[in-house]
Amino acid sequence: MSSNDIPKFERLFFRMTVSNGLLFSFVENKETWNLFNFIAFVLNLPSIKKIRGSILFDISWTLQEDILKIVQNDKDGIITAFNE
């Protein structure tokens, strides 16, 4: 895996973890490491510290940027409704 592929792998791994409802600590499980090592020994799983830190920050930042672009390109504007 090239160094350019690492951020993409980390994003995909994060999304897989969240979409399956797994705890971030699952990445530190020995059986998880064994499986990924068997599938592709060149893959290095991100640490729980990295998942909770830079990966989560990067993904949330990208999501915020995407939401902002959608809102800026919305011709109808933003509508809010409140129930009292």
Protein backbone atom coordinates (compact mmCIF):
# COMPACT_ATOMS: atom_id res chain seq x y z
CA MET A 1 0.00 0.00 0.00
CA SER A 2 1.37 3.39 -0.93
CA SER A 3 1.52 6.29 1.50
CA ASN A 4 -1.27 7.94 -0.53
CA ASP A 5 -3.55 4.96 0.18
CA ILE A 6 -3.16 5.09 3.96
CA PRO A 7 -5.61 8.00 4.59
CA LYS A 8 -8.20 6.34 2.36
CA PHE A 9 -7.78 3.02 4.18
CA GLU A 10 -8.13 4.78 7.53
CA ARG A 11 -11.33 6.55 6.42
CA LEU A 12 -12.78 3.29 5.08
CA PHE A 13 -11.80 1.46 8.26
CA PHE A 14 -13.39 4.18 10.40
CA ARG A 15 -16.60 4.13 8.38
CA MET A 16 -16.74 0.33 8.56
CA THR A 17 -16.27 0.45 12.33
CA VAL A 18 -19.00 3.07 12.84
CA SER A 19 -21.50 1.59 10.37
CA ASN A 20 -21.23 -1.80 12.09
CA GLY A 21 -21.71 -0.26 15.52
CA LEU A 22 -18.31 -1.45 16.73
CA LEU A 23 -16.48 0.17 19.58
CA PHE A 24 -13.21 1.83 18.62
CA SER A 25 -11.49 -0.54 21.05
CA PHE A 26 -12.25 -3.38 18.62
CA VAL A 27 -9.16 -2.27 16.71
CA GLU A 28 -6.98 -3.36 19.62
CA ASN A 29 -8.45 -6.86 19.74
CA LYS A 30 -5.91 -9.59 18.97
CA GLU A 31 -8.39 -11.45 16.76
CA THR A 32 -8.99 -8.31 14.70
CA TRP A 33 -5.25 -7.94 14.15
CA ASN A 34 -4.95 -11.63 13.25
CA LEU A 35 -7.72 -11.35 10.65
CA PHE A 36 -6.31 -8.23 9.01
CA ASN A 37 -2.81 -9.69 9.11
CA PHE A 38 -4.11 -12.81 7.35
CA ILE A 39 -6.04 -10.84 4.72
CA ALA A 40 -3.24 -8.40 3.95
CA PHE A 41 -0.15 -8.43 6.11
CA VAL A 42 0.96 -5.06 4.70
CA LEU A 43 -2.03 -3.30 6.29
CA ASN A 44 -1.35 -1.55 9.55
CA LEU A 45 -4.51 -0.95 11.50
CA PRO A 46 -4.73 2.51 13.03
CA SER A 47 -4.43 2.69 16.79
CA ILE A 48 -7.42 3.56 18.93
CA LYS A 49 -5.65 6.81 19.79
CA LYS A 50 -5.36 7.71 16.10
CA ILE A 51 -8.98 6.76 15.42
CA ARG A 52 -10.21 8.92 18.31
CA GLY A 53 -7.87 11.72 17.30
CA SER A 54 -6.76 12.66 13.83
CA ILE A 55 -8.99 10.27 11.86
CA LEU A 56 -12.17 11.35 13.68
CA PHE A 57 -11.14 15.00 13.33
CA ASP A 58 -10.43 14.68 9.58
CA ILE A 59 -13.70 12.87 8.89
CA SER A 60 -15.78 15.33 10.90
CA TRP A 61 -14.02 18.27 9.21
CA THR A 62 -14.73 16.81 5.77
CA LEU A 63 -18.36 16.21 6.73
CA GLN A 64 -18.71 19.82 7.88
CA GLU A 65 -17.23 21.07 4.61
CA ASP A 66 -19.59 18.84 2.60
CA ILE A 67 -22.61 20.11 4.54
CA LEU A 68 -21.50 23.70 4.01
CA LYS A 69 -21.15 23.14 0.24
CA ILE A 70 -24.62 21.60 0.07
CA VAL A 71 -26.14 24.50 1.99
CA GLN A 72 -24.34 27.11 -0.12
CA ASN A 73 -25.56 25.50 -3.33
CA ASP A 74 -29.14 25.12 -2.10
CA LYS A 75 -31.26 27.53 -4.14
CA ASP A 76 -34.23 27.24 -1.77
CA GLY A 77 -32.28 28.18 1.34
CA ILE A 78 -32.59 26.72 4.79
CA ILE A 79 -35.97 26.23 6.40
CA THR A 80 -36.36 25.59 10.09
CA ALA A 81 -39.46 24.52 11.94
CA PHE A 82 -40.09 24.59 15.65
CA ASN A 83 -42.74 22.83 17.70
CA GLU A 84 -43.88 24.65 20.79
